[in-house]
Amino acid sequence: MVQAALPSGSLITANYAAEQNREVFAVPGSIHNSLSAGCHQLIKEGATLIEGADDILAVIRDLQIAQGLAPVGSKKADMPATKTSEQIAYAQQIEALPAEMRAIIDAIGYDPAPYELIEARLEAGVDNLSAVLVDLELQGIVTVVGGLYSRQYS
């Protein structure tokens, strides 16, 4: 589960899955986001905390080993996590940016953020913040959905 408010249909579904001995995964979110409260509750109740695909693959590998379906050490999940070429290119693109633009990306953080929050997080005022955000969006570094700015990749 990625987002769920308290209460929600997603929580009901996750609880049914747990009652049937199915794996329940939850992605934690900001403690200030009401849509993360359901995920946090599930994690408290024993759902597997997921931070990336490798976490899911590890659980699947463990289940396969427990069922005798996969010998230990034979799966790709045993290998260290590697970034995709897109993520590497994105990181290189950010490194090549001027310090002011990197500061704005840092101010966005890892959860979708409104313009006002980005502005408040910046220690030094940024001239033409709107123009810089549009430039970052045009470069594919930042996306905007419903007035909230997000990094393209974490």
N, C-alpha and C. Protein backbone atom coordinates (compact mmCIF):
# COMPACT_ATOMS: atom_id res chain seq x y z
N MET A 1 0.85 -1.15 0.00
CA MET A 1 0.00 0.00 0.00
C MET A 1 0.90 1.23 0.00
N VAL A 2 0.55 2.20 -0.81
CA VAL A 2 1.34 3.41 -0.91
C VAL A 2 0.69 4.56 -0.16
N GLN A 3 -0.62 4.71 -0.29
CA GLN A 3 -1.32 5.77 0.44
C GLN A 3 -2.67 5.26 0.91
N ALA A 4 -3.01 5.61 2.13
CA ALA A 4 -4.32 5.27 2.67
C ALA A 4 -4.60 6.16 3.87
N ALA A 5 -5.74 6.78 3.84
CA ALA A 5 -6.16 7.59 4.98
C ALA A 5 -6.79 6.67 6.02
N LEU A 6 -7.08 7.22 7.18
CA LEU A 6 -7.80 6.48 8.22
C LEU A 6 -9.22 6.99 8.25
N PRO A 7 -10.22 6.24 8.11
CA PRO A 7 -10.28 4.89 7.57
C PRO A 7 -10.29 4.94 6.05
N SER A 8 -10.10 3.78 5.41
CA SER A 8 -10.17 3.75 3.95
C SER A 8 -10.43 2.34 3.47
N GLY A 9 -10.88 2.24 2.25
CA GLY A 9 -11.11 0.94 1.63
C GLY A 9 -9.83 0.16 1.46
N SER A 10 -8.73 0.88 1.25
CA SER A 10 -7.44 0.22 1.10
C SER A 10 -7.05 -0.51 2.38
N LEU A 11 -7.35 0.10 3.52
CA LEU A 11 -7.04 -0.55 4.81
C LEU A 11 -7.90 -1.80 5.00
N ILE A 12 -9.14 -1.72 4.62
CA ILE A 12 -10.03 -2.89 4.73
C ILE A 12 -9.48 -4.03 3.89
N THR A 13 -9.07 -3.72 2.66
CA THR A 13 -8.51 -4.74 1.77
C THR A 13 -7.23 -5.32 2.35
N ALA A 14 -6.35 -4.47 2.87
CA ALA A 14 -5.10 -4.95 3.46
C ALA A 14 -5.38 -5.83 4.67
N ASN A 15 -6.36 -5.48 5.48
CA ASN A 15 -6.70 -6.30 6.65
C ASN A 15 -7.25 -7.66 6.23
N TYR A 16 -8.06 -7.69 5.17
CA TYR A 16 -8.54 -8.98 4.65
C TYR A 16 -7.37 -9.83 4.16
N ALA A 17 -6.43 -9.21 3.48
CA ALA A 17 -5.25 -9.94 3.00
C ALA A 17 -4.47 -10.53 4.17
N ALA A 18 -4.26 -9.74 5.21
CA ALA A 18 -3.53 -10.22 6.39
C ALA A 18 -4.27 -11.38 7.06
N GLU A 19 -5.60 -11.29 7.13
CA GLU A 19 -6.40 -12.36 7.73
C GLU A 19 -6.25 -13.66 6.94
N GLN A 20 -5.96 -13.56 5.65
CA GLN A 20 -5.80 -14.74 4.80
C GLN A 20 -4.33 -15.15 4.67
N ASN A 21 -3.51 -14.65 5.60
CA ASN A 21 -2.08 -14.96 5.63
C ASN A 21 -1.35 -14.56 4.35
N ARG A 22 -1.75 -13.47 3.76
CA ARG A 22 -1.08 -12.91 2.59
C ARG A 22 -0.10 -11.84 3.06
N GLU A 23 0.96 -11.66 2.29
CA GLU A 23 1.92 -10.60 2.61
C GLU A 23 1.27 -9.25 2.38
N VAL A 24 1.46 -8.35 3.31
CA VAL A 24 0.98 -6.97 3.16
C VAL A 24 2.20 -6.08 3.22
N PHE A 25 2.35 -5.25 2.20
CA PHE A 25 3.48 -4.33 2.09
C PHE A 25 2.95 -2.91 2.25
N ALA A 26 3.75 -2.05 2.85
CA ALA A 26 3.36 -0.65 3.02
C ALA A 26 4.57 0.25 2.84
N VAL A 27 4.35 1.35 2.14
CA VAL A 27 5.40 2.35 1.92
C VAL A 27 5.15 3.49 2.90
N PRO A 28 6.12 3.78 3.76
CA PRO A 28 5.91 4.88 4.70
C PRO A 28 5.93 6.22 3.98
N GLY A 29 5.25 7.18 4.55
CA GLY A 29 5.22 8.52 3.99
C GLY A 29 5.48 9.55 5.07
N SER A 30 5.27 10.77 4.72
CA SER A 30 5.48 11.85 5.68
C SER A 30 4.49 11.73 6.84
N ILE A 31 4.96 12.00 8.04
CA ILE A 31 4.07 11.96 9.21
C ILE A 31 3.07 13.11 9.17
N HIS A 32 3.31 14.08 8.30
CA HIS A 32 2.42 15.23 8.19
C HIS A 32 1.35 15.03 7.11
N ASN A 33 1.41 13.93 6.39
CA ASN A 33 0.47 13.66 5.31
C ASN A 33 -0.60 12.70 5.82
N SER A 34 -1.85 13.15 5.84
CA SER A 34 -2.94 12.30 6.35
C SER A 34 -3.13 11.05 5.50
N LEU A 35 -2.68 11.07 4.25
CA LEU A 35 -2.80 9.89 3.39
C LEU A 35 -1.74 8.84 3.70
N SER A 36 -0.81 9.14 4.60
CA SER A 36 0.19 8.16 5.01
C SER A 36 -0.20 7.45 6.30
N ALA A 37 -1.20 7.95 6.99
CA ALA A 37 -1.58 7.40 8.30
C ALA A 37 -1.96 5.93 8.21
N GLY A 38 -2.65 5.53 7.17
CA GLY A 38 -3.05 4.14 7.02
C GLY A 38 -1.85 3.23 6.82
N CYS A 39 -0.88 3.66 6.02
CA CYS A 39 0.33 2.87 5.81
C CYS A 39 1.09 2.73 7.11
N HIS A 40 1.19 3.80 7.86
CA HIS A 40 1.90 3.75 9.14
C HIS A 40 1.21 2.78 10.10
N GLN A 41 -0.12 2.79 10.11
CA GLN A 41 -0.86 1.87 10.97
C GLN A 41 -0.57 0.43 10.56
N LEU A 42 -0.57 0.16 9.26
CA LEU A 42 -0.29 -1.21 8.80
C LEU A 42 1.11 -1.66 9.21
N ILE A 43 2.08 -0.77 9.10
CA ILE A 43 3.44 -1.11 9.50
C ILE A 43 3.49 -1.43 10.99
N LYS A 44 2.79 -0.64 11.80
CA LYS A 44 2.73 -0.91 13.24
C LYS A 44 2.11 -2.28 13.51
N GLU A 45 1.17 -2.68 12.65
CA GLU A 45 0.47 -3.95 12.84
C GLU A 45 1.19 -5.13 12.20
N GLY A 46 2.37 -4.89 11.61
CA GLY A 46 3.16 -6.00 11.09
C GLY A 46 3.33 -6.06 9.59
N ALA A 47 2.82 -5.10 8.84
CA ALA A 47 3.04 -5.09 7.40
C ALA A 47 4.53 -4.88 7.14
N THR A 48 4.99 -5.40 6.02
CA THR A 48 6.40 -5.25 5.66
C THR A 48 6.64 -3.84 5.14
N LEU A 49 7.58 -3.14 5.76
CA LEU A 49 7.95 -1.80 5.34
C LEU A 49 8.75 -1.89 4.05
N ILE A 50 8.33 -1.16 3.04
CA ILE A 50 8.97 -1.20 1.73
C ILE A 50 9.55 0.16 1.40
N GLU A 51 10.83 0.16 1.04
CA GLU A 51 11.48 1.39 0.60
C GLU A 51 11.88 1.30 -0.87
N GLY A 52 11.78 0.12 -1.46
CA GLY A 52 12.13 -0.05 -2.85
C GLY A 52 11.82 -1.46 -3.30
N ALA A 53 12.01 -1.71 -4.58
CA ALA A 53 11.71 -3.01 -5.17
C ALA A 53 12.52 -4.13 -4.53
N ASP A 54 13.74 -3.83 -4.13
CA ASP A 54 14.59 -4.86 -3.52
C ASP A 54 13.98 -5.44 -2.25
N ASP A 55 13.23 -4.62 -1.51
CA ASP A 55 12.56 -5.11 -0.30
C ASP A 55 11.51 -6.17 -0.65
N ILE A 56 10.78 -5.94 -1.72
CA ILE A 56 9.75 -6.89 -2.15
C ILE A 56 10.41 -8.16 -2.67
N LEU A 57 11.46 -8.00 -3.47
CA LEU A 57 12.16 -9.17 -4.01
C LEU A 57 12.74 -10.03 -2.89
N ALA A 58 13.24 -9.40 -1.84
CA ALA A 58 13.81 -10.15 -0.71
C ALA A 58 12.73 -10.98 -0.03
N VAL A 59 11.54 -10.43 0.15
CA VAL A 59 10.44 -11.18 0.77
C VAL A 59 10.04 -12.35 -0.12
N ILE A 60 9.94 -12.11 -1.41
CA ILE A 60 9.58 -13.18 -2.35
C ILE A 60 10.63 -14.29 -2.32
N ARG A 61 11.91 -13.89 -2.31
CA ARG A 61 12.99 -14.88 -2.25
C ARG A 61 12.89 -15.71 -0.98
N ASP A 62 12.64 -15.04 0.16
CA ASP A 62 12.53 -15.75 1.43
C ASP A 62 11.35 -16.73 1.41
N LEU A 63 10.24 -16.32 0.81
CA LEU A 63 9.08 -17.22 0.71
C LEU A 63 9.40 -18.41 -0.18
N GLN A 64 10.11 -18.17 -1.29
CA GLN A 64 10.47 -19.27 -2.17
C GLN A 64 11.41 -20.25 -1.47
N ILE A 65 12.37 -19.73 -0.73
CA ILE A 65 13.30 -20.59 0.00
C ILE A 65 12.55 -21.40 1.05
N ALA A 66 11.63 -20.76 1.76
CA ALA A 66 10.84 -21.45 2.79
C ALA A 66 10.00 -22.58 2.19
N GLN A 67 9.57 -22.40 0.95
CA GLN A 67 8.75 -23.40 0.29
C GLN A 67 9.58 -24.40 -0.51
N GLY A 68 10.91 -24.25 -0.44
CA GLY A 68 11.79 -25.16 -1.16
C GLY A 68 11.81 -24.94 -2.66
N LEU A 69 11.42 -23.77 -3.10
CA LEU A 69 11.34 -23.50 -4.53
C LEU A 69 12.61 -22.86 -5.09
N ALA A 70 13.46 -22.34 -4.24
CA ALA A 70 14.66 -21.65 -4.74
C ALA A 70 15.83 -21.93 -3.81
N PRO A 71 16.93 -22.39 -4.36
CA PRO A 71 18.10 -22.59 -3.51
C PRO A 71 18.66 -21.26 -3.04
N VAL A 72 19.22 -21.26 -1.84
CA VAL A 72 19.79 -20.05 -1.27
C VAL A 72 20.90 -19.53 -2.18
N GLY A 73 20.89 -18.23 -2.43
CA GLY A 73 21.95 -17.60 -3.21
C GLY A 73 21.78 -17.69 -4.71
N SER A 74 20.65 -18.21 -5.18
CA SER A 74 20.50 -18.40 -6.62
C SER A 74 19.72 -17.29 -7.30
N LYS A 75 19.19 -16.37 -6.55
CA LYS A 75 18.32 -15.36 -7.15
C LYS A 75 19.02 -14.03 -7.31
N LYS A 76 18.57 -13.27 -8.27
CA LYS A 76 19.09 -11.93 -8.53
C LYS A 76 18.87 -11.04 -7.30
N ALA A 77 17.86 -11.32 -6.49
CA ALA A 77 17.59 -10.51 -5.31
C ALA A 77 18.74 -10.55 -4.31
N ASP A 78 19.61 -11.58 -4.42
CA ASP A 78 20.76 -11.66 -3.53
C ASP A 78 21.87 -10.68 -3.92
N MET A 79 21.78 -10.15 -5.12
CA MET A 79 22.80 -9.23 -5.60
C MET A 79 22.53 -7.84 -5.04
N PRO A 80 23.58 -7.03 -4.89
CA PRO A 80 23.35 -5.67 -4.40
C PRO A 80 22.47 -4.89 -5.36
N ALA A 81 21.70 -3.97 -4.81
CA ALA A 81 20.80 -3.16 -5.63
C ALA A 81 21.61 -2.28 -6.57
N THR A 82 21.14 -2.18 -7.80
CA THR A 82 21.78 -1.30 -8.77
C THR A 82 20.76 -0.31 -9.26
N LYS A 83 21.24 0.86 -9.61
CA LYS A 83 20.35 1.89 -10.13
C LYS A 83 20.16 1.67 -11.62
N THR A 84 19.00 2.07 -12.12
CA THR A 84 18.75 1.99 -13.55
C THR A 84 19.55 3.06 -14.26
N SER A 85 19.70 2.90 -15.56
CA SER A 85 20.44 3.89 -16.33
C SER A 85 19.72 5.24 -16.28
N GLU A 86 18.40 5.22 -16.20
CA GLU A 86 17.64 6.47 -16.10
C GLU A 86 17.95 7.18 -14.78
N GLN A 87 18.03 6.43 -13.69
CA GLN A 87 18.34 7.03 -12.39
C GLN A 87 19.76 7.58 -12.36
N ILE A 88 20.68 6.88 -12.99
CA ILE A 88 22.06 7.35 -13.05
C ILE A 88 22.14 8.63 -13.87
N ALA A 89 21.47 8.65 -15.03
CA ALA A 89 21.45 9.84 -15.87
C ALA A 89 20.82 11.01 -15.14
N TYR A 90 19.75 10.74 -14.38
CA TYR A 90 19.07 11.78 -13.60
C TYR A 90 20.02 12.37 -12.56
N ALA A 91 20.74 11.49 -11.84
CA ALA A 91 21.69 11.95 -10.82
C ALA A 91 22.80 12.79 -11.46
N GLN A 92 23.28 12.38 -12.61
CA GLN A 92 24.31 13.14 -13.31
C GLN A 92 23.77 14.49 -13.77
N GLN A 93 22.52 14.49 -14.21
CA GLN A 93 21.89 15.73 -14.65
C GLN A 93 21.79 16.72 -13.49
N ILE A 94 21.44 16.23 -12.31
CA ILE A 94 21.34 17.09 -11.13
C ILE A 94 22.71 17.61 -10.72
N GLU A 95 23.72 16.74 -10.75
CA GLU A 95 25.07 17.16 -10.38
C GLU A 95 25.59 18.28 -11.27
N ALA A 96 25.15 18.30 -12.53
CA ALA A 96 25.62 19.30 -13.49
C ALA A 96 24.90 20.65 -13.33
N LEU A 97 23.86 20.69 -12.51
CA LEU A 97 23.10 21.92 -12.33
C LEU A 97 23.85 22.93 -11.46
N PRO A 98 23.53 24.21 -11.62
CA PRO A 98 24.09 25.22 -10.72
C PRO A 98 23.62 24.97 -9.28
N ALA A 99 24.41 25.44 -8.33
CA ALA A 99 24.12 25.22 -6.90
C ALA A 99 22.73 25.72 -6.52
N GLU A 100 22.30 26.85 -7.09
CA GLU A 100 20.97 27.39 -6.76
C GLU A 100 19.86 26.41 -7.15
N MET A 101 19.99 25.76 -8.31
CA MET A 101 18.96 24.80 -8.75
C MET A 101 18.99 23.55 -7.87
N ARG A 102 20.19 23.09 -7.50
CA ARG A 102 20.28 21.92 -6.62
C ARG A 102 19.66 22.22 -5.26
N ALA A 103 19.81 23.46 -4.78
CA ALA A 103 19.21 23.85 -3.51
C ALA A 103 17.69 23.79 -3.60
N ILE A 104 17.15 24.16 -4.74
CA ILE A 104 15.69 24.10 -4.93
C ILE A 104 15.23 22.65 -4.95
N ILE A 105 15.97 21.78 -5.60
CA ILE A 105 15.61 20.35 -5.62
C ILE A 105 15.64 19.80 -4.20
N ASP A 106 16.66 20.17 -3.43
CA ASP A 106 16.72 19.75 -2.02
C ASP A 106 15.53 20.28 -1.23
N ALA A 107 15.11 21.51 -1.53
CA ALA A 107 13.97 22.12 -0.83
C ALA A 107 12.66 21.41 -1.17
N ILE A 108 12.58 20.82 -2.34
CA ILE A 108 11.38 20.06 -2.71
C ILE A 108 11.26 18.85 -1.79
N GLY A 109 12.38 18.23 -1.47
CA GLY A 109 12.36 17.07 -0.60
C GLY A 109 11.93 15.82 -1.36
N TYR A 110 11.44 14.82 -0.62
CA TYR A 110 11.09 13.54 -1.23
C TYR A 110 9.59 13.28 -1.26
N ASP A 111 8.81 14.19 -0.73
CA ASP A 111 7.36 14.11 -0.81
C ASP A 111 6.89 15.28 -1.67
N PRO A 112 5.78 15.13 -2.38
CA PRO A 112 5.25 16.25 -3.16
C PRO A 112 5.10 17.49 -2.27
N ALA A 113 5.55 18.63 -2.78
CA ALA A 113 5.55 19.86 -1.98
C ALA A 113 4.94 21.02 -2.76
N PRO A 114 4.12 21.82 -2.10
CA PRO A 114 3.58 23.02 -2.77
C PRO A 114 4.65 24.11 -2.86
N TYR A 115 4.42 25.04 -3.74
CA TYR A 115 5.34 26.15 -3.98
C TYR A 115 5.72 26.86 -2.68
N GLU A 116 4.72 27.15 -1.85
CA GLU A 116 4.96 27.91 -0.62
C GLU A 116 5.92 27.18 0.32
N LEU A 117 5.81 25.85 0.39
CA LEU A 117 6.70 25.08 1.26
C LEU A 117 8.13 25.09 0.71
N ILE A 118 8.26 24.96 -0.60
CA ILE A 118 9.59 25.02 -1.21
C ILE A 118 10.23 26.36 -0.90
N GLU A 119 9.46 27.42 -1.08
CA GLU A 119 9.95 28.77 -0.82
C GLU A 119 10.38 28.92 0.64
N ALA A 120 9.59 28.37 1.55
CA ALA A 120 9.90 28.48 2.98
C ALA A 120 11.14 27.67 3.36
N ARG A 121 11.38 26.56 2.67
CA ARG A 121 12.53 25.71 2.99
C ARG A 121 13.86 26.31 2.51
N LEU A 122 13.79 27.21 1.57
CA LEU A 122 15.02 27.81 1.05
C LEU A 122 15.55 28.83 2.05
N GLU A 123 16.78 28.65 2.48
CA GLU A 123 17.37 29.56 3.46
C GLU A 123 17.57 30.94 2.87
N ALA A 124 18.09 30.99 1.67
CA ALA A 124 18.29 32.28 1.00
C ALA A 124 17.19 32.42 -0.06
N GLY A 125 16.64 33.58 -0.17
CA GLY A 125 15.61 33.80 -1.16
C GLY A 125 16.14 33.54 -2.56
N VAL A 126 15.32 32.97 -3.39
CA VAL A 126 15.70 32.67 -4.77
C VAL A 126 14.92 33.59 -5.68
N ASP A 127 15.66 34.38 -6.45
CA ASP A 127 15.00 35.23 -7.43
C ASP A 127 14.34 34.36 -8.48
N ASN A 128 13.14 34.70 -8.84
CA ASN A 128 12.42 33.99 -9.91
C ASN A 128 12.27 32.50 -9.64
N LEU A 129 11.87 32.14 -8.43
CA LEU A 129 11.69 30.73 -8.07
C LEU A 129 10.75 30.04 -9.04
N SER A 130 9.67 30.71 -9.42
CA SER A 130 8.72 30.10 -10.36
C SER A 130 9.39 29.76 -11.67
N ALA A 131 10.21 30.66 -12.18
CA ALA A 131 10.90 30.43 -13.46
C ALA A 131 11.87 29.25 -13.35
N VAL A 132 12.57 29.15 -12.22
CA VAL A 132 13.51 28.05 -12.03
C VAL A 132 12.75 26.71 -11.95
N LEU A 133 11.61 26.70 -11.27
CA LEU A 133 10.81 25.47 -11.18
C LEU A 133 10.30 25.05 -12.55
N VAL A 134 9.88 26.01 -13.35
CA VAL A 134 9.43 25.69 -14.71
C VAL A 134 10.59 25.13 -15.52
N ASP A 135 11.77 25.72 -15.38
CA ASP A 135 12.96 25.23 -16.08
C ASP A 135 13.27 23.79 -15.66
N LEU A 136 13.21 23.50 -14.37
CA LEU A 136 13.45 22.14 -13.89
C LEU A 136 12.41 21.17 -14.42
N GLU A 137 11.18 21.64 -14.55
CA GLU A 137 10.12 20.80 -15.10
C GLU A 137 10.38 20.53 -16.58
N LEU A 138 10.78 21.53 -17.33
CA LEU A 138 11.06 21.36 -18.75
C LEU A 138 12.25 20.42 -18.99
N GLN A 139 13.18 20.39 -18.05
CA GLN A 139 14.34 19.50 -18.15
C GLN A 139 13.99 18.07 -17.72
N GLY A 140 12.79 17.87 -17.19
CA GLY A 140 12.38 16.53 -16.75
C GLY A 140 12.92 16.15 -15.39
N ILE A 141 13.39 17.12 -14.63
CA ILE A 141 13.95 16.85 -13.30
C ILE A 141 12.86 16.87 -12.24
N VAL A 142 11.86 17.73 -12.46
CA VAL A 142 10.76 17.92 -11.52
C VAL A 142 9.45 17.73 -12.27
N THR A 143 8.48 17.14 -11.59
CA THR A 143 7.12 17.05 -12.14
C THR A 143 6.17 17.84 -11.25
N VAL A 144 5.07 18.30 -11.84
CA VAL A 144 4.07 19.04 -11.09
C VAL A 144 2.72 18.39 -11.33
N VAL A 145 2.09 17.99 -10.24
CA VAL A 145 0.75 17.39 -10.31
C VAL A 145 -0.10 18.06 -9.24
N GLY A 146 -1.18 18.67 -9.67
CA GLY A 146 -2.09 19.31 -8.72
C GLY A 146 -1.43 20.41 -7.92
N GLY A 147 -0.46 21.10 -8.50
CA GLY A 147 0.22 22.18 -7.81
C GLY A 147 1.29 21.73 -6.83
N LEU A 148 1.59 20.43 -6.81
CA LEU A 148 2.63 19.89 -5.93
C LEU A 148 3.83 19.47 -6.77
N TYR A 149 5.00 19.91 -6.35
CA TYR A 149 6.24 19.62 -7.06
C TYR A 149 6.89 18.38 -6.49
N SER A 150 7.39 17.50 -7.37
CA SER A 150 8.06 16.27 -6.96
C SER A 150 9.32 16.08 -7.79
N ARG A 151 10.30 15.43 -7.21
CA ARG A 151 11.47 15.01 -7.98
C ARG A 151 11.03 13.91 -8.93
N GLN A 152 11.67 13.85 -10.09
CA GLN A 152 11.34 12.79 -11.03
C GLN A 152 11.75 11.44 -10.45
N TYR A 153 12.94 11.36 -9.86
CA TYR A 153 13.44 10.15 -9.21
C TYR A 153 13.93 10.53 -7.83
N SER A 154 13.84 9.60 -6.90
CA SER A 154 14.33 9.87 -5.54
C SER A 154 15.79 9.58 -5.44
